[in-house]
PDB file of N, CA and C in Angstrom:
ATOM      1  N   MET A   1      55.197 104.321  85.208  1.00  0.00           N
ATOM      2  CA  MET A   1      55.237 105.476  86.080  1.00  0.00           C
ATOM      3  C   MET A   1      55.122 105.045  87.531  1.00  0.00           C
ATOM      4  N   SER A   2      55.653 105.837  88.363  1.00  0.00           N
ATOM      5  CA  SER A   2      55.652 105.535  89.785  1.00  0.00           C
ATOM      6  C   SER A   2      54.316 105.897  90.404  1.00  0.00           C
ATOM      7  N   SER A   3      53.828 105.018  91.270  1.00  0.00           N
ATOM      8  CA  SER A   3      52.597 105.334  91.995  1.00  0.00           C
ATOM      9  C   SER A   3      52.924 105.905  93.368  1.00  0.00           C
ATOM     10  N   ASN A   4      54.199 106.040  93.673  1.00  0.00           N
ATOM     11  CA  ASN A   4      54.620 106.548  94.974  1.00  0.00           C
ATOM     12  C   ASN A   4      54.831 108.052  94.994  1.00  0.00           C
ATOM     13  N   ILE A   5      54.534 108.729  93.918  1.00  0.00           N
ATOM     14  CA  ILE A   5      54.751 110.166  93.856  1.00  0.00           C
ATOM     15  C   ILE A   5      53.722 110.871  94.753  1.00  0.00           C
ATOM     16  N   ASN A   6      54.169 111.884  95.440  1.00  0.00           N
ATOM     17  CA  ASN A   6      53.293 112.685  96.292  1.00  0.00           C
ATOM     18  C   ASN A   6      52.718 113.811  95.433  1.00  0.00           C
ATOM     19  N   TYR A   7      51.518 113.584  94.922  1.00  0.00           N
ATOM     20  CA  TYR A   7      50.911 114.537  93.993  1.00  0.00           C
ATOM     21  C   TYR A   7      50.588 115.862  94.662  1.00  0.00           C
ATOM     22  N   GLU A   8      50.260 115.832  95.932  1.00  0.00           N
ATOM     23  CA  GLU A   8      50.009 117.088  96.645  1.00  0.00           C
ATOM     24  C   GLU A   8      51.272 117.932  96.703  1.00  0.00           C
ATOM     25  N   ARG A   9      52.387 117.307  97.025  1.00  0.00           N
ATOM     26  CA  ARG A   9      53.662 118.022  97.098  1.00  0.00           C
ATOM     27  C   ARG A   9      54.073 118.520  95.711  1.00  0.00           C
ATOM     28  N   LEU A  10      53.903 117.667  94.700  1.00  0.00           N
ATOM     29  CA  LEU A  10      54.232 118.060  93.338  1.00  0.00           C
ATOM     30  C   LEU A  10      53.409 119.275  92.923  1.00  0.00           C
ATOM     31  N   SER A  11      52.130 119.261  93.254  1.00  0.00           N
ATOM     32  CA  SER A  11      51.257 120.378  92.915  1.00  0.00           C
ATOM     33  C   SER A  11      51.674 121.651  93.647  1.00  0.00           C
ATOM     34  N   LEU A  12      51.975 121.522  94.934  1.00  0.00           N
ATOM     35  CA  LEU A  12      52.418 122.670  95.725  1.00  0.00           C
ATOM     36  C   LEU A  12      53.694 123.270  95.145  1.00  0.00           C
ATOM     37  N   LEU A  13      54.656 122.416  94.858  1.00  0.00           N
ATOM     38  CA  LEU A  13      55.921 122.894  94.295  1.00  0.00           C
ATOM     39  C   LEU A  13      55.705 123.517  92.922  1.00  0.00           C
ATOM     40  N   GLY A  14      54.872 122.890  92.112  1.00  0.00           N
ATOM     41  CA  GLY A  14      54.569 123.434  90.801  1.00  0.00           C
ATOM     42  C   GLY A  14      53.951 124.819  90.890  1.00  0.00           C
ATOM     43  N   ASP A  15      53.039 124.988  91.840  1.00  0.00           N
ATOM     44  CA  ASP A  15      52.412 126.300  92.043  1.00  0.00           C
ATOM     45  C   ASP A  15      53.438 127.351  92.462  1.00  0.00           C
ATOM     46  N   LYS A  16      54.356 126.945  93.342  1.00  0.00           N
ATOM     47  CA  LYS A  16      55.389 127.887  93.790  1.00  0.00           C
ATOM     48  C   LYS A  16      56.337 128.263  92.657  1.00  0.00           C
ATOM     49  N   VAL A  17      56.708 127.281  91.856  1.00  0.00           N
ATOM     50  CA  VAL A  17      57.586 127.555  90.720  1.00  0.00           C
ATOM     51  C   VAL A  17      56.866 128.478  89.738  1.00  0.00           C
ATOM     52  N   LYS A  18      55.625 128.153  89.433  1.00  0.00           N
ATOM     53  CA  LYS A  18      54.846 128.957  88.487  1.00  0.00           C
ATOM     54  C   LYS A  18      54.657 130.382  88.986  1.00  0.00           C
ATOM     55  N   GLY A  19      54.423 130.542  90.289  1.00  0.00           N
ATOM     56  CA  GLY A  19      54.207 131.862  90.860  1.00  0.00           C
ATOM     57  C   GLY A  19      55.479 132.652  91.104  1.00  0.00           C
ATOM     58  N   GLY A  20      56.617 132.022  90.918  1.00  0.00           N
ATOM     59  CA  GLY A  20      57.894 132.706  91.093  1.00  0.00           C
ATOM     60  C   GLY A  20      58.371 132.775  92.535  1.00  0.00           C
ATOM     61  N   GLY A  21      57.702 132.060  93.439  1.00  0.00           N
ATOM     62  CA  GLY A  21      58.085 132.118  94.841  1.00  0.00           C
ATOM     63  C   GLY A  21      58.848 130.911  95.346  1.00  0.00           C
ATOM     64  N   ALA A  22      59.245 130.018  94.448  1.00  0.00           N
ATOM     65  CA  ALA A  22      59.960 128.807  94.861  1.00  0.00           C
ATOM     66  C   ALA A  22      61.426 129.110  95.125  1.00  0.00           C
ATOM     67  N   THR A  23      61.942 128.507  96.179  1.00  0.00           N
ATOM     68  CA  THR A  23      63.367 128.612  96.460  1.00  0.00           C
ATOM     69  C   THR A  23      64.122 127.681  95.509  1.00  0.00           C
ATOM     70  N   LYS A  24      65.430 127.824  95.467  1.00  0.00           N
ATOM     71  CA  LYS A  24      66.264 126.936  94.650  1.00  0.00           C
ATOM     72  C   LYS A  24      66.043 125.482  95.073  1.00  0.00           C
ATOM     73  N   GLU A  25      65.941 125.256  96.375  1.00  0.00           N
ATOM     74  CA  GLU A  25      65.739 123.896  96.889  1.00  0.00           C
ATOM     75  C   GLU A  25      64.392 123.341  96.442  1.00  0.00           C
ATOM     76  N   GLU A  26      63.364 124.176  96.439  1.00  0.00           N
ATOM     77  CA  GLU A  26      62.038 123.722  96.004  1.00  0.00           C
ATOM     78  C   GLU A  26      62.026 123.425  94.507  1.00  0.00           C
ATOM     79  N   LYS A  27      62.704 124.238  93.734  1.00  0.00           N
ATOM     80  CA  LYS A  27      62.814 123.981  92.297  1.00  0.00           C
ATOM     81  C   LYS A  27      63.546 122.667  92.057  1.00  0.00           C
ATOM     82  N   ASP A  28      64.624 122.470  92.797  1.00  0.00           N
ATOM     83  CA  ASP A  28      65.395 121.231  92.668  1.00  0.00           C
ATOM     84  C   ASP A  28      64.542 120.024  93.039  1.00  0.00           C
ATOM     85  N   GLU A  29      63.756 120.140  94.106  1.00  0.00           N
ATOM     86  CA  GLU A  29      62.889 119.037  94.538  1.00  0.00           C
ATOM     87  C   GLU A  29      61.834 118.739  93.476  1.00  0.00           C
ATOM     88  N   PHE A  30      61.262 119.787  92.899  1.00  0.00           N
ATOM     89  CA  PHE A  30      60.266 119.626  91.846  1.00  0.00           C
ATOM     90  C   PHE A  30      60.855 118.838  90.678  1.00  0.00           C
ATOM     91  N   MET A  31      62.033 119.242  90.246  1.00  0.00           N
ATOM     92  CA  MET A  31      62.686 118.551  89.134  1.00  0.00           C
ATOM     93  C   MET A  31      63.055 117.116  89.518  1.00  0.00           C
ATOM     94  N   TRP A  32      63.512 116.914  90.744  1.00  0.00           N
ATOM     95  CA  TRP A  32      63.870 115.570  91.217  1.00  0.00           C
ATOM     96  C   TRP A  32      62.651 114.654  91.209  1.00  0.00           C
ATOM     97  N   MET A  33      61.506 115.183  91.651  1.00  0.00           N
ATOM     98  CA  MET A  33      60.275 114.384  91.659  1.00  0.00           C
ATOM     99  C   MET A  33      59.890 113.962  90.240  1.00  0.00           C
ATOM    100  N   LEU A  34      60.021 114.883  89.292  1.00  0.00           N
ATOM    101  CA  LEU A  34      59.705 114.546  87.905  1.00  0.00           C
ATOM    102  C   LEU A  34      60.669 113.498  87.362  1.00  0.00           C
ATOM    103  N   LEU A  35      61.935 113.598  87.727  1.00  0.00           N
ATOM    104  CA  LEU A  35      62.918 112.603  87.298  1.00  0.00           C
ATOM    105  C   LEU A  35      62.592 111.237  87.903  1.00  0.00           C
ATOM    106  N   GLN A  36      62.309 111.199  89.190  1.00  0.00           N
ATOM    107  CA  GLN A  36      62.012 109.938  89.863  1.00  0.00           C
ATOM    108  C   GLN A  36      60.767 109.259  89.293  1.00  0.00           C
ATOM    109  N   ASN A  37      59.852 110.062  88.781  1.00  0.00           N
ATOM    110  CA  ASN A  37      58.633 109.524  88.186  1.00  0.00           C
ATOM    111  C   ASN A  37      58.820 109.198  86.696  1.00  0.00           C
ATOM    112  N   ARG A  38      60.024 109.451  86.204  1.00  0.00           N
ATOM    113  CA  ARG A  38      60.363 109.246  84.790  1.00  0.00           C
ATOM    114  C   ARG A  38      59.541 110.140  83.871  1.00  0.00           C
ATOM    115  N   SER A  39      59.154 111.294  84.388  1.00  0.00           N
ATOM    116  CA  SER A  39      58.419 112.266  83.584  1.00  0.00           C
ATOM    117  C   SER A  39      59.365 113.161  82.796  1.00  0.00           C
ATOM    118  N   ILE A  40      60.612 113.243  83.243  1.00  0.00           N
ATOM    119  CA  ILE A  40      61.677 113.889  82.488  1.00  0.00           C
ATOM    120  C   ILE A  40      62.841 112.906  82.438  1.00  0.00           C
ATOM    121  N   THR A  41      63.720 113.121  81.495  1.00  0.00           N
ATOM    122  CA  THR A  41      64.860 112.216  81.348  1.00  0.00           C
ATOM    123  C   THR A  41      66.014 112.643  82.256  1.00  0.00           C
ATOM    124  N   GLN A  42      66.947 111.739  82.434  1.00  0.00           N
ATOM    125  CA  GLN A  42      68.154 112.056  83.192  1.00  0.00           C
ATOM    126  C   GLN A  42      68.898 113.205  82.529  1.00  0.00           C
ATOM    127  N   GLN A  43      68.916 113.214  81.204  1.00  0.00           N
ATOM    128  CA  GLN A  43      69.595 114.282  80.469  1.00  0.00           C
ATOM    129  C   GLN A  43      68.932 115.638  80.737  1.00  0.00           C
ATOM    130  N   GLN A  44      67.610 115.684  80.753  1.00  0.00           N
ATOM    131  CA  GLN A  44      66.903 116.932  81.039  1.00  0.00           C
ATOM    132  C   GLN A  44      67.198 117.404  82.462  1.00  0.00           C
ATOM    133  N   TYR A  45      67.219 116.465  83.391  1.00  0.00           N
ATOM    134  CA  TYR A  45      67.511 116.803  84.781  1.00  0.00           C
ATOM    135  C   TYR A  45      68.943 117.325  84.907  1.00  0.00           C
ATOM    136  N   ASN A  46      69.876 116.627  84.270  1.00  0.00           N
ATOM    137  CA  ASN A  46      71.282 117.053  84.326  1.00  0.00           C
ATOM    138  C   ASN A  46      71.458 118.438  83.728  1.00  0.00           C
ATOM    139  N   GLU A  47      70.758 118.694  82.633  1.00  0.00           N
ATOM    140  CA  GLU A  47      70.842 120.004  82.002  1.00  0.00           C
ATOM    141  C   GLU A  47      70.340 121.083  82.963  1.00  0.00           C
ATOM    142  N   TYR A  48      69.263 120.789  83.668  1.00  0.00           N
ATOM    143  CA  TYR A  48      68.738 121.734  84.658  1.00  0.00           C
ATOM    144  C   TYR A  48      69.764 121.965  85.768  1.00  0.00           C
ATOM    145  N   ILE A  49      70.308 120.898  86.325  1.00  0.00           N
ATOM    146  CA  ILE A  49      71.251 120.998  87.437  1.00  0.00           C
ATOM    147  C   ILE A  49      72.529 121.712  87.012  1.00  0.00           C
ATOM    148  N   ASN A  50      73.039 121.373  85.854  1.00  0.00           N
ATOM    149  CA  ASN A  50      74.302 121.941  85.393  1.00  0.00           C
ATOM    150  C   ASN A  50      74.181 123.368  84.887  1.00  0.00           C
ATOM    151  N   ASN A  51      72.983 123.820  84.672  1.00  0.00           N
ATOM    152  CA  ASN A  51      72.758 125.150  84.129  1.00  0.00           C
ATOM    153  C   ASN A  51      72.955 126.250  85.165  1.00  0.00           C
ATOM    154  N   GLY A  52      72.873 125.909  86.426  1.00  0.00           N
ATOM    155  CA  GLY A  52      73.037 126.922  87.464  1.00  0.00           C
ATOM    156  C   GLY A  52      71.929 127.948  87.418  1.00  0.00           C
ATOM    157  N   ASN A  53      72.279 129.210  87.456  1.00  0.00           N
ATOM    158  CA  ASN A  53      71.286 130.281  87.461  1.00  0.00           C
ATOM    159  C   ASN A  53      71.139 130.959  86.109  1.00  0.00           C
ATOM    160  N   LYS A  54      71.551 130.305  85.070  1.00  0.00           N
ATOM    161  CA  LYS A  54      71.448 130.881  83.730  1.00  0.00           C
ATOM    162  C   LYS A  54      69.981 131.004  83.327  1.00  0.00           C
ATOM    163  N   GLU A  55      69.749 131.873  82.380  1.00  0.00           N
ATOM    164  CA  GLU A  55      68.379 132.126  81.899  1.00  0.00           C
ATOM    165  C   GLU A  55      67.717 130.845  81.389  1.00  0.00           C
ATOM    166  N   ASN A  56      68.480 129.971  80.768  1.00  0.00           N
ATOM    167  CA  ASN A  56      67.923 128.732  80.221  1.00  0.00           C
ATOM    168  C   ASN A  56      67.307 127.856  81.300  1.00  0.00           C
ATOM    169  N   THR A  57      67.756 127.999  82.547  1.00  0.00           N
ATOM    170  CA  THR A  57      67.183 127.225  83.639  1.00  0.00           C
ATOM    171  C   THR A  57      65.695 127.511  83.773  1.00  0.00           C
ATOM    172  N   GLU A  58      65.303 128.768  83.610  1.00  0.00           N
ATOM    173  CA  GLU A  58      63.885 129.125  83.688  1.00  0.00           C
ATOM    174  C   GLU A  58      63.103 128.493  82.545  1.00  0.00           C
ATOM    175  N   ASN A  59      63.694 128.403  81.371  1.00  0.00           N
ATOM    176  CA  ASN A  59      63.029 127.740  80.246  1.00  0.00           C
ATOM    177  C   ASN A  59      62.814 126.261  80.536  1.00  0.00           C
ATOM    178  N   ILE A  60      63.815 125.645  81.135  1.00  0.00           N
ATOM    179  CA  ILE A  60      63.707 124.234  81.501  1.00  0.00           C
ATOM    180  C   ILE A  60      62.607 124.053  82.544  1.00  0.00           C
ATOM    181  N   LEU A  61      62.566 124.937  83.524  1.00  0.00           N
ATOM    182  CA  LEU A  61      61.527 124.859  84.560  1.00  0.00           C
ATOM    183  C   LEU A  61      60.132 125.052  83.979  1.00  0.00           C
ATOM    184  N   GLN A  62      59.997 125.965  83.039  1.00  0.00           N
ATOM    185  CA  GLN A  62      58.689 126.186  82.423  1.00  0.00           C
ATOM    186  C   GLN A  62      58.219 124.940  81.674  1.00  0.00           C
ATOM    187  N   ALA A  63      59.125 124.290  80.991  1.00  0.00           N
ATOM    188  CA  ALA A  63      58.779 123.047  80.302  1.00  0.00           C
ATOM    189  C   ALA A  63      58.409 121.966  81.317  1.00  0.00           C
ATOM    190  N   ALA A  64      59.136 121.910  82.419  1.00  0.00           N
ATOM    191  CA  ALA A  64      58.852 120.928  83.470  1.00  0.00           C
ATOM    192  C   ALA A  64      57.492 121.203  84.114  1.00  0.00           C
ATOM    193  N   LEU A  65      57.119 122.460  84.220  1.00  0.00           N
ATOM    194  CA  LEU A  65      55.800 122.797  84.757  1.00  0.00           C
ATOM    195  C   LEU A  65      54.693 122.192  83.901  1.00  0.00           C
ATOM    196  N   ALA A  66      54.857 122.250  82.604  1.00  0.00           N
ATOM    197  CA  ALA A  66      53.867 121.663  81.710  1.00  0.00           C
ATOM    198  C   ALA A  66      53.784 120.149  81.923  1.00  0.00           C
ATOM    199  N   VAL A  67      54.934 119.518  82.057  1.00  0.00           N
ATOM    200  CA  VAL A  67      54.976 118.071  82.302  1.00  0.00           C
ATOM    201  C   VAL A  67      54.306 117.749  83.636  1.00  0.00           C
ATOM    202  N   GLY A  68      54.618 118.526  84.657  1.00  0.00           N
ATOM    203  CA  GLY A  68      54.026 118.314  85.976  1.00  0.00           C
ATOM    204  C   GLY A  68      52.521 118.490  85.949  1.00  0.00           C
ATOM    205  N   ALA A  69      52.041 119.481  85.216  1.00  0.00           N
ATOM    206  CA  ALA A  69      50.596 119.716  85.117  1.00  0.00           C
ATOM    207  C   ALA A  69      49.895 118.530  84.463  1.00  0.00           C
ATOM    208  N   VAL A  70      50.478 118.013  83.398  1.00  0.00           N
ATOM    209  CA  VAL A  70      49.897 116.843  82.730  1.00  0.00           C
ATOM    210  C   VAL A  70      49.882 115.646  83.673  1.00  0.00           C
ATOM    211  N   LEU A  71      50.938 115.465  84.415  1.00  0.00           N
ATOM    212  CA  LEU A  71      51.026 114.363  85.370  1.00  0.00           C
ATOM    213  C   LEU A  71      49.934 114.465  86.424  1.00  0.00           C
ATOM    214  N   ILE A  72      49.734 115.649  86.962  1.00  0.00           N
ATOM    215  CA  ILE A  72      48.713 115.854  87.997  1.00  0.00           C
ATOM    216  C   ILE A  72      47.313 115.672  87.410  1.00  0.00           C
ATOM    217  N   ILE A  73      47.079 116.201  86.224  1.00  0.00           N
ATOM    218  CA  ILE A  73      45.771 116.022  85.578  1.00  0.00           C
ATOM    219  C   ILE A  73      45.486 114.543  85.355  1.00  0.00           C
ATOM    220  N   GLY A  74      46.486 113.807  84.888  1.00  0.00           N
ATOM    221  CA  GLY A  74      46.325 112.367  84.698  1.00  0.00           C
ATOM    222  C   GLY A  74      45.993 111.658  85.999  1.00  0.00           C
ATOM    223  N   PHE A  75      46.663 112.043  87.064  1.00  0.00           N
ATOM    224  CA  PHE A  75      46.388 111.452  88.374  1.00  0.00           C
ATOM    225  C   PHE A  75      44.951 111.750  88.794  1.00  0.00           C
ATOM    226  N   LEU A  76      44.524 112.994  88.649  1.00  0.00           N
ATOM    227  CA  LEU A  76      43.171 113.381  89.065  1.00  0.00           C
ATOM    228  C   LEU A  76      42.096 112.667  88.249  1.00  0.00           C
ATOM    229  N   ILE A  77      42.329 112.523  86.963  1.00  0.00           N
ATOM    230  CA  ILE A  77      41.377 111.780  86.131  1.00  0.00           C
ATOM    231  C   ILE A  77      41.308 110.325  86.573  1.00  0.00           C
ATOM    232  N   GLY A  78      42.469 109.745  86.855  1.00  0.00           N
ATOM    233  CA  GLY A  78      42.508 108.367  87.350  1.00  0.00           C
ATOM    234  C   GLY A  78      41.742 108.209  88.651  1.00  0.00           C
ATOM    235  N   GLU A  79      41.899 109.178  89.555  1.00  0.00           N
ATOM    236  CA  GLU A  79      41.182 109.129  90.830  1.00  0.00           C
ATOM    237  C   GLU A  79      39.678 109.260  90.607  1.00  0.00           C
ATOM    238  N   LEU A  80      39.285 110.074  89.666  1.00  0.00           N
ATOM    239  CA  LEU A  80      37.878 110.258  89.364  1.00  0.00           C
ATOM    240  C   LEU A  80      37.263 108.959  88.893  1.00  0.00           C
ATOM    241  N   PHE A  81      37.960 108.235  88.020  1.00  0.00           N
ATOM    242  CA  PHE A  81      37.432 106.972  87.506  1.00  0.00           C
ATOM    243  C   PHE A  81      37.457 105.866  88.553  1.00  0.00           C
ATOM    244  N   LYS A  82      38.349 105.937  89.509  1.00  0.00           N
ATOM    245  CA  LYS A  82      38.375 104.953  90.594  1.00  0.00           C
ATOM    246  C   LYS A  82      37.112 105.041  91.442  1.00  0.00           C
ATOM    247  N   LYS A  83      36.569 106.241  91.569  1.00  0.00           N
ATOM    248  CA  LYS A  83      35.404 106.464  92.424  1.00  0.00           C
ATOM    249  C   LYS A  83      34.103 106.038  91.764  1.00  0.00           C
ATOM    250  N   LYS A  84      34.126 105.790  90.459  1.00  0.00           N
ATOM    251  CA  LYS A  84      32.890 105.410  89.744  1.00  0.00           C
ATOM    252  C   LYS A  84      32.688 103.932  89.763  1.00  0.00           C
TER     253      LYS A  84
END
């Protein structure tokens, strides 16, 4: 996994997507960050991009939110253990 991911930005984007206030660009950035971190596959990313505004896009985003949440939780746990 990449250690260069901006977890604050990922969390912000995840919150916006979850709350329904994310723009298309923010959703795209969220998915791109997950792809760059290898948290989703290229195929999953392509499916999201190629889906356009179809209903299935929201299903893909919801699944990505779960992945993003796990990623952030893992990061926070790691930071907690670094401080001990």
